[in-house]
N, C-alpha and C. Protein backbone atom coordinates (compact mmCIF):
# COMPACT_ATOMS: atom_id res chain seq x y z
N MET A 1 35.83 -67.84 12.82
CA MET A 1 37.50 -66.93 12.50
C MET A 1 38.53 -67.65 13.20
N ASN A 2 39.74 -67.99 12.72
CA ASN A 2 40.74 -68.71 13.73
C ASN A 2 41.32 -67.95 14.40
N LEU A 3 41.08 -67.71 15.92
CA LEU A 3 41.86 -66.81 16.48
C LEU A 3 43.02 -67.29 16.96
N SER A 4 43.67 -68.17 16.61
CA SER A 4 45.29 -68.73 17.18
C SER A 4 46.10 -67.89 16.54
N ILE A 5 47.18 -67.76 17.68
CA ILE A 5 48.33 -66.64 17.13
C ILE A 5 49.11 -67.00 15.81
N ASP A 6 48.86 -67.83 15.44
CA ASP A 6 49.37 -68.56 13.79
C ASP A 6 48.39 -67.49 12.93
N ASN A 7 47.88 -66.97 12.79
CA ASN A 7 46.71 -66.44 12.36
C ASN A 7 47.28 -64.90 11.88
N PRO A 8 47.38 -64.65 10.65
CA PRO A 8 48.08 -63.22 10.55
C PRO A 8 47.27 -62.18 10.98
N ASN A 9 46.27 -62.37 10.95
CA ASN A 9 45.28 -61.29 11.40
C ASN A 9 45.23 -61.10 12.78
N VAL A 10 45.05 -62.45 13.78
CA VAL A 10 45.31 -62.22 15.04
C VAL A 10 46.40 -61.53 15.67
N LEU A 11 47.53 -61.42 14.76
CA LEU A 11 49.16 -61.07 15.25
C LEU A 11 49.00 -59.88 14.74
N LEU A 12 48.32 -59.21 13.75
CA LEU A 12 48.22 -58.06 13.41
C LEU A 12 47.52 -57.02 14.39
N MET A 13 46.31 -57.36 14.60
CA MET A 13 45.45 -56.93 15.90
C MET A 13 46.17 -57.14 16.84
N LEU A 14 46.88 -58.27 17.45
CA LEU A 14 47.80 -57.62 18.66
C LEU A 14 48.51 -56.78 18.71
N ILE A 15 49.35 -56.47 17.62
CA ILE A 15 50.15 -55.49 17.48
C ILE A 15 49.93 -54.47 17.24
N VAL A 16 48.71 -54.07 16.53
CA VAL A 16 48.13 -52.77 16.54
C VAL A 16 47.79 -52.38 17.87
N ALA A 17 47.22 -53.09 18.87
CA ALA A 17 46.60 -52.89 19.92
C ALA A 17 47.53 -52.57 20.81
N THR A 18 48.88 -53.29 20.82
CA THR A 18 49.85 -52.94 21.85
C THR A 18 50.57 -51.50 21.54
N LEU A 19 50.47 -51.47 20.42
CA LEU A 19 51.28 -50.29 20.07
C LEU A 19 50.35 -48.99 19.99
N GLY A 20 48.90 -49.22 19.96
CA GLY A 20 47.87 -48.04 20.30
C GLY A 20 48.42 -47.64 21.74
N ILE A 21 48.30 -48.71 22.96
CA ILE A 21 48.20 -49.10 23.97
C ILE A 21 49.16 -47.96 24.59
N LEU A 22 50.46 -48.54 23.82
CA LEU A 22 52.18 -47.99 24.51
C LEU A 22 51.78 -46.57 24.00
N SER A 23 51.69 -46.02 22.65
CA SER A 23 51.63 -44.89 22.50
C SER A 23 51.44 -43.60 23.48
N TRP A 24 49.93 -44.19 23.74
CA TRP A 24 49.35 -43.02 24.88
C TRP A 24 49.97 -43.20 25.85
N ARG A 25 51.03 -44.25 26.73
CA ARG A 25 51.46 -44.60 27.73
C ARG A 25 52.45 -43.80 27.49
N TYR A 26 53.60 -44.04 26.86
CA TYR A 26 54.50 -42.73 26.66
C TYR A 26 54.52 -41.73 26.03
N LEU A 27 53.55 -41.34 25.52
CA LEU A 27 52.94 -39.84 25.55
C LEU A 27 52.88 -39.05 26.94
N GLY A 28 52.06 -40.12 27.62
CA GLY A 28 51.94 -39.62 29.12
C GLY A 28 53.40 -39.28 30.01
N ILE A 29 53.99 -40.11 29.79
CA ILE A 29 55.41 -40.05 30.33
C ILE A 29 56.02 -39.24 30.17
N ILE A 30 56.17 -38.65 28.79
CA ILE A 30 56.80 -37.55 28.24
C ILE A 30 56.16 -36.18 28.72
N LEU A 31 54.78 -36.38 28.61
CA LEU A 31 54.18 -34.72 28.62
C LEU A 31 53.71 -34.83 29.91
N PHE A 32 53.89 -35.59 31.25
CA PHE A 32 53.30 -35.75 32.87
C PHE A 32 53.81 -34.06 33.48
N LYS A 33 55.15 -33.91 33.28
CA LYS A 33 55.70 -32.57 33.99
C LYS A 33 54.68 -31.30 33.60
N LYS A 34 54.49 -31.72 32.11
CA LYS A 34 53.80 -30.31 31.62
C LYS A 34 52.40 -30.28 32.00
N ILE A 35 51.56 -31.04 32.56
CA ILE A 35 50.21 -30.86 32.61
C ILE A 35 50.02 -30.77 34.26
N GLU A 36 49.42 -29.90 34.73
CA GLU A 36 48.76 -29.56 36.23
C GLU A 36 47.70 -30.29 36.20
N PRO A 37 48.03 -31.08 37.51
CA PRO A 37 47.14 -31.95 37.93
C PRO A 37 45.34 -31.45 38.12
N ASP A 38 45.63 -29.85 38.68
CA ASP A 38 44.30 -29.12 38.76
C ASP A 38 43.82 -28.38 37.36
N SER A 39 44.29 -28.68 36.66
CA SER A 39 43.96 -28.07 35.48
C SER A 39 42.74 -28.55 34.47
N THR A 40 41.98 -27.68 33.73
CA THR A 40 40.89 -27.94 33.17
C THR A 40 40.95 -29.53 32.48
N VAL A 41 42.02 -29.64 31.74
CA VAL A 41 42.46 -30.74 30.97
C VAL A 41 42.75 -32.02 31.53
N ALA A 42 43.23 -31.75 32.89
CA ALA A 42 43.44 -33.34 33.44
C ALA A 42 42.31 -33.62 34.03
N LYS A 43 41.36 -32.52 34.65
CA LYS A 43 40.25 -33.06 35.16
C LYS A 43 39.19 -33.59 34.21
N PHE A 44 38.97 -33.46 33.25
CA PHE A 44 38.23 -33.87 31.72
C PHE A 44 38.79 -35.08 32.07
N VAL A 45 40.04 -35.61 31.67
CA VAL A 45 40.64 -36.59 31.38
C VAL A 45 40.30 -37.45 32.40
N ASN A 46 40.40 -37.18 33.73
CA ASN A 46 39.96 -38.10 34.82
C ASN A 46 38.72 -38.08 34.77
N ALA A 47 37.93 -37.61 34.39
CA ALA A 47 36.03 -37.42 34.39
C ALA A 47 35.85 -38.54 33.41
N ILE A 48 36.82 -38.51 32.12
CA ILE A 48 36.46 -39.56 31.20
C ILE A 48 36.79 -41.00 31.68
N ALA A 49 37.77 -41.23 32.27
CA ALA A 49 38.47 -42.54 32.48
C ALA A 49 37.39 -42.89 33.97
N TYR A 50 36.93 -41.79 34.62
CA TYR A 50 35.92 -42.67 35.90
C TYR A 50 35.07 -42.93 34.82
N GLY A 51 34.37 -41.88 34.14
CA GLY A 51 33.00 -42.57 33.34
C GLY A 51 33.17 -44.11 32.62
N MET A 52 34.72 -43.91 31.60
CA MET A 52 34.70 -45.69 31.06
C MET A 52 34.55 -46.54 31.83
N THR A 53 35.14 -46.43 32.99
CA THR A 53 35.44 -47.48 33.89
C THR A 53 34.06 -47.59 34.74
N THR A 54 33.31 -46.80 35.01
CA THR A 54 31.86 -46.82 35.72
C THR A 54 30.84 -47.61 34.35
N ALA A 55 30.81 -47.55 33.26
CA ALA A 55 30.21 -48.00 32.04
C ALA A 55 30.48 -48.84 31.98
N ILE A 56 31.97 -49.61 31.60
CA ILE A 56 32.00 -50.95 31.76
C ILE A 56 31.69 -52.02 32.76
N VAL A 57 31.65 -51.22 34.18
CA VAL A 57 31.32 -52.10 35.62
C VAL A 57 29.90 -52.36 35.35
N PHE A 58 29.12 -51.20 34.89
CA PHE A 58 27.77 -51.20 34.82
C PHE A 58 27.19 -51.84 34.13
N LYS A 59 28.01 -52.08 32.73
CA LYS A 59 27.66 -53.31 31.49
C LYS A 59 27.91 -54.70 32.14
N MET A 60 29.00 -54.74 32.71
CA MET A 60 29.22 -56.39 33.48
C MET A 60 28.17 -57.06 34.31
N ILE A 61 27.64 -55.84 35.21
CA ILE A 61 26.93 -55.73 36.34
C ILE A 61 25.34 -55.96 35.61
N PHE A 62 24.65 -55.39 34.97
CA PHE A 62 23.42 -55.17 34.52
C PHE A 62 23.24 -55.79 33.04
N PHE A 63 24.30 -56.34 32.44
CA PHE A 63 24.09 -56.75 31.01
C PHE A 63 25.13 -57.76 31.29
N PRO A 64 25.38 -58.93 31.78
CA PRO A 64 26.48 -59.69 31.76
C PRO A 64 26.37 -60.94 30.82
N ASN A 65 27.58 -60.85 30.05
CA ASN A 65 27.48 -62.17 29.42
C ASN A 65 28.67 -63.22 29.21
N SER A 66 28.89 -63.25 30.64
CA SER A 66 30.33 -64.21 30.76
C SER A 66 29.22 -65.10 32.10
N ALA A 67 30.35 -65.43 32.95
CA ALA A 67 29.94 -66.70 34.28
C ALA A 67 29.51 -65.75 35.23
N ILE A 68 29.15 -64.51 34.89
CA ILE A 68 28.48 -63.77 35.96
C ILE A 68 27.20 -63.58 36.20
N LYS A 69 26.88 -64.01 34.91
CA LYS A 69 25.44 -64.27 35.12
C LYS A 69 24.40 -64.75 35.29
N LEU A 70 25.78 -65.77 36.02
CA LEU A 70 24.35 -67.29 36.94
C LEU A 70 24.47 -66.39 38.40
N LEU A 71 25.10 -65.62 38.48
CA LEU A 71 24.97 -65.06 39.98
C LEU A 71 23.66 -64.40 39.84
N PRO A 72 22.88 -64.23 40.82
CA PRO A 72 21.55 -63.39 41.20
C PRO A 72 21.65 -62.21 40.97
N PHE A 73 20.49 -61.14 40.34
CA PHE A 73 20.67 -59.87 40.08
C PHE A 73 21.32 -59.04 41.28
N PHE A 74 20.39 -59.46 42.25
CA PHE A 74 20.96 -58.91 43.47
C PHE A 74 22.01 -59.19 44.16
N GLU A 75 22.99 -59.87 43.64
CA GLU A 75 24.36 -60.33 44.46
C GLU A 75 25.21 -59.47 43.50
N ARG A 76 24.83 -59.28 42.56
CA ARG A 76 25.96 -58.52 41.37
C ARG A 76 25.86 -56.81 41.78
N VAL A 77 24.23 -56.86 41.98
CA VAL A 77 24.15 -54.84 41.64
C VAL A 77 24.77 -54.57 43.59
N MET A 78 24.18 -55.28 44.34
CA MET A 78 25.06 -54.57 46.09
C MET A 78 26.05 -54.05 46.20
N PRO A 79 26.98 -55.14 45.66
CA PRO A 79 28.51 -54.35 45.70
C PRO A 79 28.69 -53.33 44.88
N PHE A 80 28.30 -53.68 43.79
CA PHE A 80 28.81 -52.41 43.23
C PHE A 80 27.96 -50.89 43.54
N PHE A 81 26.59 -51.14 44.26
CA PHE A 81 26.50 -49.76 44.85
C PHE A 81 26.81 -49.42 46.07
N LEU A 82 27.24 -50.55 46.53
CA LEU A 82 28.52 -50.32 47.91
C LEU A 82 29.23 -49.34 47.78
N GLY A 83 30.40 -49.82 46.65
CA GLY A 83 31.63 -49.14 46.19
C GLY A 83 31.05 -47.96 45.55
N ILE A 84 29.73 -47.69 44.59
CA ILE A 84 29.55 -46.26 44.51
C ILE A 84 29.23 -45.35 45.77
N ILE A 85 28.56 -46.27 46.86
CA ILE A 85 28.41 -45.19 47.74
C ILE A 85 29.36 -44.81 48.80
N VAL A 86 30.39 -45.69 48.69
CA VAL A 86 31.59 -45.16 49.33
C VAL A 86 32.56 -44.21 48.97
N PHE A 87 32.31 -44.37 47.24
CA PHE A 87 33.18 -43.08 46.34
C PHE A 87 32.78 -41.68 46.89
N ILE A 88 31.24 -41.77 46.99
CA ILE A 88 30.40 -40.69 47.23
C ILE A 88 30.95 -39.99 48.60
N ILE A 89 31.03 -41.21 49.33
CA ILE A 89 31.43 -40.59 51.28
C ILE A 89 32.81 -40.15 50.86
N PHE A 90 33.81 -41.24 50.44
CA PHE A 90 35.32 -40.45 50.18
C PHE A 90 35.69 -40.23 48.76
N PRO A 91 35.40 -39.39 48.34
CA PRO A 91 35.94 -38.88 46.63
C PRO A 91 37.49 -38.94 46.48
N LYS A 92 38.25 -38.30 47.58
CA LYS A 92 39.77 -38.51 47.58
C LYS A 92 40.09 -39.96 47.37
N LYS A 93 39.37 -41.01 48.21
CA LYS A 93 40.03 -42.06 48.14
C LYS A 93 39.21 -43.20 47.15
N PRO A 94 39.48 -43.04 45.77
CA PRO A 94 38.58 -44.14 44.95
C PRO A 94 39.30 -45.54 45.27
N ASN A 95 40.35 -45.52 45.64
CA ASN A 95 40.82 -47.11 46.08
C ASN A 95 39.94 -47.82 47.06
N LEU A 96 39.34 -46.94 47.93
CA LEU A 96 38.45 -47.39 49.21
C LEU A 96 37.52 -48.08 48.41
N ALA A 97 36.75 -47.10 47.56
CA ALA A 97 35.71 -47.82 47.01
C ALA A 97 35.53 -49.01 46.14
N LEU A 98 36.82 -49.08 45.43
CA LEU A 98 37.62 -50.14 44.79
C LEU A 98 37.26 -51.50 45.54
N ILE A 99 38.17 -51.40 46.67
CA ILE A 99 38.46 -52.73 47.63
C ILE A 99 37.10 -52.89 48.40
N THR A 100 36.26 -52.14 48.56
CA THR A 100 34.58 -52.41 49.17
C THR A 100 34.05 -52.69 48.12
N GLY A 101 33.81 -52.57 46.88
CA GLY A 101 33.11 -53.31 45.91
C GLY A 101 33.44 -54.57 45.73
N ILE A 102 34.80 -54.64 45.38
CA ILE A 102 35.40 -55.81 45.38
C ILE A 102 35.29 -57.22 46.28
N GLY A 103 35.29 -56.44 47.39
CA GLY A 103 35.38 -57.34 48.79
C GLY A 103 34.34 -57.86 48.98
N SER A 104 33.12 -56.75 48.75
CA SER A 104 31.54 -57.23 48.96
C SER A 104 31.31 -58.28 48.22
N PHE A 105 31.74 -58.24 46.92
CA PHE A 105 31.31 -59.01 46.09
C PHE A 105 31.92 -60.13 46.31
N ALA A 106 33.70 -60.52 46.76
CA ALA A 106 34.07 -61.60 46.99
C ALA A 106 33.24 -62.63 48.13
N LEU A 107 32.85 -61.46 49.11
CA LEU A 107 32.11 -61.91 50.55
C LEU A 107 30.63 -62.57 50.20
N THR A 108 30.16 -61.63 48.84
CA THR A 108 29.12 -62.36 48.43
C THR A 108 29.04 -63.78 47.96
N ILE A 109 29.92 -63.82 47.53
CA ILE A 109 30.28 -65.48 46.58
C ILE A 109 30.60 -66.24 47.40
N PHE A 110 31.68 -65.92 48.75
CA PHE A 110 32.28 -66.76 49.59
C PHE A 110 30.92 -67.01 50.54
N TYR A 111 29.74 -66.14 50.95
CA TYR A 111 28.69 -66.57 51.54
C TYR A 111 27.93 -67.84 50.76
N GLN A 112 27.76 -67.47 49.80
CA GLN A 112 26.80 -68.15 48.76
C GLN A 112 27.53 -69.72 48.57
N ASN A 113 28.69 -69.99 48.33
CA ASN A 113 29.34 -71.27 48.30
C ASN A 113 29.37 -71.57 49.21
N TYR A 114 29.98 -71.28 50.36
CA TYR A 114 30.80 -72.31 51.59
C TYR A 114 30.01 -71.87 52.80
N LEU A 115 28.78 -70.71 52.86
CA LEU A 115 28.10 -70.98 54.39
C LEU A 115 26.90 -71.17 54.33
């Protein structure tokens, strides 16, 4: 399949994907004052978002199909589990877990290549 921007199918897919993403974002902007952050719906959506993000990262680490598969399994798994442990310890600070996972992954690569 020709994936250049000149291909009308690629352009159509790009437009449809953009409209799909932007429509949900604008709907969120319109409805955000009507949704209570502690409501069951908000908690459900939050749980789905965390679940999807975790599933994507899990797939990238355990079943890689890009340059990350060149790294040894242990060096992919340890930063993932460190991030999960930090998230379990500090559930109200998901950014701390994200920074821990990314930082430990970066340090692993730095250590492997430069030390």
